[in-house]
């Protein structure tokens, strides 16, 4: 009797397990994720530095870029040298000086799971993508 209960449970799990991949979202490439974030925005003139007081958040885009969002909603994209080392599950560690993060800075990556030091990448220009203008009706 116990064997039949176990077989029933295994069969039920197999059915549920086979349905999960069909429901799972397809993982976007780094470039596709970045394109989706920037949809409707137009690139502005690159800048060398960002003031730390303006930065609201930062996000690593897998093997592509580091995206900084400022308090006014502008997205700044930095494509560092060594971008192929960027992993969206890493922790970004920067040591800015003078209240700014700049194109000459080097940021370190820490593996979120093991807390082990990973690669270091050098920042390049910050390309601004301001919020698109509101359409008047």
C-alpha atoms as a PDB file:
ATOM      1  CA  UNK A   1       0.000   0.000   0.000  1.00  0.00           C
ATOM      2  CA  UNK A   2       2.803   2.424   0.864  1.00  0.00           C
ATOM      3  CA  UNK A   3       4.512   1.688  -2.447  1.00  0.00           C
ATOM      4  CA  UNK A   4       1.409   2.727  -4.382  1.00  0.00           C
ATOM      5  CA  UNK A   5       1.234   6.014  -2.425  1.00  0.00           C
ATOM      6  CA  UNK A   6       4.899   6.706  -3.191  1.00  0.00           C
ATOM      7  CA  UNK A   7       4.396   5.924  -6.883  1.00  0.00           C
ATOM      8  CA  UNK A   8       1.380   8.226  -7.005  1.00  0.00           C
ATOM      9  CA  UNK A   9       3.352  11.031  -5.358  1.00  0.00           C
ATOM     10  CA  UNK A  10       6.303  10.536  -7.739  1.00  0.00           C
ATOM     11  CA  UNK A  11       3.982  10.583 -10.744  1.00  0.00           C
ATOM     12  CA  UNK A  12       2.319  13.789  -9.516  1.00  0.00           C
ATOM     13  CA  UNK A  13       5.692  15.474  -9.004  1.00  0.00           C
ATOM     14  CA  UNK A  14       6.821  14.396 -12.460  1.00  0.00           C
ATOM     15  CA  UNK A  15       3.761  16.009 -14.024  1.00  0.00           C
ATOM     16  CA  UNK A  16       4.231  19.227 -12.021  1.00  0.00           C
ATOM     17  CA  UNK A  17       7.961  19.273 -12.742  1.00  0.00           C
ATOM     18  CA  UNK A  18       7.443  18.894 -16.470  1.00  0.00           C
ATOM     19  CA  UNK A  19       5.082  21.881 -16.513  1.00  0.00           C
ATOM     20  CA  UNK A  20       7.567  24.274 -14.866  1.00  0.00           C
ATOM     21  CA  UNK A  21       9.901  24.815 -17.864  1.00  0.00           C
ATOM     22  CA  UNK A  22       6.945  25.697 -20.083  1.00  0.00           C
ATOM     23  CA  UNK A  23       5.841  28.348 -17.591  1.00  0.00           C
ATOM     24  CA  UNK A  24       9.329  29.705 -16.842  1.00  0.00           C
ATOM     25  CA  UNK A  25      10.233  33.041 -18.393  1.00  0.00           C
ATOM     26  CA  UNK A  26      12.900  33.010 -21.037  1.00  0.00           C
ATOM     27  CA  UNK A  27      16.047  34.675 -19.691  1.00  0.00           C
ATOM     28  CA  UNK A  28      16.992  37.732 -21.725  1.00  0.00           C
ATOM     29  CA  UNK A  29      20.552  38.333 -22.889  1.00  0.00           C
ATOM     30  CA  UNK A  30      22.316  41.305 -21.345  1.00  0.00           C
ATOM     31  CA  UNK A  31      21.915  43.369 -24.513  1.00  0.00           C
ATOM     32  CA  UNK A  32      18.198  42.525 -24.729  1.00  0.00           C
ATOM     33  CA  UNK A  33      17.638  43.419 -21.064  1.00  0.00           C
ATOM     34  CA  UNK A  34      19.466  46.723 -21.536  1.00  0.00           C
ATOM     35  CA  UNK A  35      17.473  47.516 -24.686  1.00  0.00           C
ATOM     36  CA  UNK A  36      14.241  46.886 -22.766  1.00  0.00           C
ATOM     37  CA  UNK A  37      15.358  49.213 -19.933  1.00  0.00           C
ATOM     38  CA  UNK A  38      16.192  51.969 -22.419  1.00  0.00           C
ATOM     39  CA  UNK A  39      13.075  51.587 -24.546  1.00  0.00           C
ATOM     40  CA  UNK A  40      11.745  55.016 -25.561  1.00  0.00           C
ATOM     41  CA  UNK A  41      14.867  56.844 -24.348  1.00  0.00           C
ATOM     42  CA  UNK A  42      17.480  58.585 -26.478  1.00  0.00           C
ATOM     43  CA  UNK A  43      21.188  58.676 -25.637  1.00  0.00           C
ATOM     44  CA  UNK A  44      22.652  61.998 -24.591  1.00  0.00           C
ATOM     45  CA  UNK A  45      26.231  63.262 -24.584  1.00  0.00           C
ATOM     46  CA  UNK A  46      28.513  60.998 -22.490  1.00  0.00           C
ATOM     47  CA  UNK A  47      29.910  62.382 -19.232  1.00  0.00           C
ATOM     48  CA  UNK A  48      33.069  61.508 -17.320  1.00  0.00           C
ATOM     49  CA  UNK A  49      31.634  61.408 -13.777  1.00  0.00           C
ATOM     50  CA  UNK A  50      28.438  61.049 -11.754  1.00  0.00           C
ATOM     51  CA  UNK A  51      27.828  62.719  -8.417  1.00  0.00           C
ATOM     52  CA  UNK A  52      27.206  60.151  -5.687  1.00  0.00           C
ATOM     53  CA  UNK A  53      24.407  62.289  -4.235  1.00  0.00           C
ATOM     54  CA  UNK A  54      22.442  61.900  -7.487  1.00  0.00           C
ATOM     55  CA  UNK A  55      22.775  58.112  -7.829  1.00  0.00           C
ATOM     56  CA  UNK A  56      19.649  56.342  -6.588  1.00  0.00           C
ATOM     57  CA  UNK A  57      20.594  52.802  -7.638  1.00  0.00           C
ATOM     58  CA  UNK A  58      22.999  50.722  -9.680  1.00  0.00           C
ATOM     59  CA  UNK A  59      22.471  47.431 -11.472  1.00  0.00           C
ATOM     60  CA  UNK A  60      24.781  45.021 -13.232  1.00  0.00           C
ATOM     61  CA  UNK A  61      23.542  43.862 -16.627  1.00  0.00           C
ATOM     62  CA  UNK A  62      25.024  40.442 -17.346  1.00  0.00           C
ATOM     63  CA  UNK A  63      28.148  40.645 -19.569  1.00  0.00           C
ATOM     64  CA  UNK A  64      27.048  44.055 -20.858  1.00  0.00           C
ATOM     65  CA  UNK A  65      27.033  47.144 -18.644  1.00  0.00           C
ATOM     66  CA  UNK A  66      26.515  48.770 -15.283  1.00  0.00           C
ATOM     67  CA  UNK A  67      23.377  50.910 -15.158  1.00  0.00           C
ATOM     68  CA  UNK A  68      23.075  53.819 -12.745  1.00  0.00           C
ATOM     69  CA  UNK A  69      19.700  55.476 -12.131  1.00  0.00           C
ATOM     70  CA  UNK A  70      19.727  59.014 -10.777  1.00  0.00           C
ATOM     71  CA  UNK A  71      17.174  60.814  -8.641  1.00  0.00           C
ATOM     72  CA  UNK A  72      15.699  62.598 -11.686  1.00  0.00           C
ATOM     73  CA  UNK A  73      15.057  59.258 -13.430  1.00  0.00           C
ATOM     74  CA  UNK A  74      17.923  59.496 -15.913  1.00  0.00           C
ATOM     75  CA  UNK A  75      19.589  56.175 -16.655  1.00  0.00           C
ATOM     76  CA  UNK A  76      23.359  56.253 -17.157  1.00  0.00           C
ATOM     77  CA  UNK A  77      24.919  53.296 -18.946  1.00  0.00           C
ATOM     78  CA  UNK A  78      28.559  52.457 -18.379  1.00  0.00           C
ATOM     79  CA  UNK A  79      30.118  49.771 -20.565  1.00  0.00           C
ATOM     80  CA  UNK A  80      33.301  49.020 -18.633  1.00  0.00           C
ATOM     81  CA  UNK A  81      36.417  47.459 -20.042  1.00  0.00           C
ATOM     82  CA  UNK A  82      36.125  43.783 -19.172  1.00  0.00           C
ATOM     83  CA  UNK A  83      32.314  43.830 -19.403  1.00  0.00           C
ATOM     84  CA  UNK A  84      32.411  40.094 -20.160  1.00  0.00           C
ATOM     85  CA  UNK A  85      33.217  39.598 -16.438  1.00  0.00           C
ATOM     86  CA  UNK A  86      29.967  41.275 -15.346  1.00  0.00           C
ATOM     87  CA  UNK A  87      27.507  38.878 -13.746  1.00  0.00           C
ATOM     88  CA  UNK A  88      24.089  40.189 -12.752  1.00  0.00           C
ATOM     89  CA  UNK A  89      24.238  38.089  -9.589  1.00  0.00           C
ATOM     90  CA  UNK A  90      27.472  39.740  -8.393  1.00  0.00           C
ATOM     91  CA  UNK A  91      27.721  42.508  -5.823  1.00  0.00           C
ATOM     92  CA  UNK A  92      29.239  45.740  -7.128  1.00  0.00           C
ATOM     93  CA  UNK A  93      31.861  47.310  -4.852  1.00  0.00           C
ATOM     94  CA  UNK A  94      33.231  50.747  -5.688  1.00  0.00           C
ATOM     95  CA  UNK A  95      35.516  53.052  -3.768  1.00  0.00           C
ATOM     96  CA  UNK A  96      34.827  56.508  -5.204  1.00  0.00           C
ATOM     97  CA  UNK A  97      36.854  59.507  -4.164  1.00  0.00           C
ATOM     98  CA  UNK A  98      35.765  63.115  -4.022  1.00  0.00           C
ATOM     99  CA  UNK A  99      32.018  62.446  -4.002  1.00  0.00           C
ATOM    100  CA  UNK A 100      31.943  61.145  -7.568  1.00  0.00           C
ATOM    101  CA  UNK A 101      32.284  57.940  -9.500  1.00  0.00           C
ATOM    102  CA  UNK A 102      34.280  58.528 -12.668  1.00  0.00           C
ATOM    103  CA  UNK A 103      35.396  56.881 -15.865  1.00  0.00           C
ATOM    104  CA  UNK A 104      38.864  56.187 -14.449  1.00  0.00           C
ATOM    105  CA  UNK A 105      37.532  54.315 -11.398  1.00  0.00           C
ATOM    106  CA  UNK A 106      37.893  50.579 -10.988  1.00  0.00           C
ATOM    107  CA  UNK A 107      35.034  48.618  -9.438  1.00  0.00           C
ATOM    108  CA  UNK A 108      35.256  45.163  -7.928  1.00  0.00           C
ATOM    109  CA  UNK A 109      32.784  42.320  -8.239  1.00  0.00           C
ATOM    110  CA  UNK A 110      31.987  39.992  -5.336  1.00  0.00           C
ATOM    111  CA  UNK A 111      30.262  36.643  -5.843  1.00  0.00           C
ATOM    112  CA  UNK A 112      26.927  36.878  -4.032  1.00  0.00           C
ATOM    113  CA  UNK A 113      26.873  33.203  -3.055  1.00  0.00           C
ATOM    114  CA  UNK A 114      30.423  32.636  -1.846  1.00  0.00           C
ATOM    115  CA  UNK A 115      31.316  36.242  -0.960  1.00  0.00           C
ATOM    116  CA  UNK A 116      34.614  35.624  -2.768  1.00  0.00           C
ATOM    117  CA  UNK A 117      36.292  38.433  -4.694  1.00  0.00           C
ATOM    118  CA  UNK A 118      35.794  38.235  -8.426  1.00  0.00           C
ATOM    119  CA  UNK A 119      37.030  40.384 -11.281  1.00  0.00           C
ATOM    120  CA  UNK A 120      37.716  44.098 -11.306  1.00  0.00           C
ATOM    121  CA  UNK A 121      36.562  46.242 -14.217  1.00  0.00           C
ATOM    122  CA  UNK A 122      37.506  49.761 -15.268  1.00  0.00           C
ATOM    123  CA  UNK A 123      34.686  52.228 -15.832  1.00  0.00           C
ATOM    124  CA  UNK A 124      34.312  54.111 -19.112  1.00  0.00           C
ATOM    125  CA  UNK A 125      32.081  57.059 -20.094  1.00  0.00           C
ATOM    126  CA  UNK A 126      28.607  57.317 -18.590  1.00  0.00           C
ATOM    127  CA  UNK A 127      26.019  57.643 -21.355  1.00  0.00           C
ATOM    128  CA  UNK A 128      22.839  59.382 -20.148  1.00  0.00           C
ATOM    129  CA  UNK A 129      19.379  58.273 -21.248  1.00  0.00           C
ATOM    130  CA  UNK A 130      16.911  60.825 -19.830  1.00  0.00           C
ATOM    131  CA  UNK A 131      13.245  60.062 -19.369  1.00  0.00           C
ATOM    132  CA  UNK A 132      11.323  60.500 -22.595  1.00  0.00           C
ATOM    133  CA  UNK A 133       9.283  63.716 -22.755  1.00  0.00           C
ATOM    134  CA  UNK A 134       5.662  63.358 -21.762  1.00  0.00           C
ATOM    135  CA  UNK A 135       3.234  63.457 -24.669  1.00  0.00           C
ATOM    136  CA  UNK A 136       0.592  66.162 -24.306  1.00  0.00           C
ATOM    137  CA  UNK A 137      -2.938  65.189 -25.217  1.00  0.00           C
END
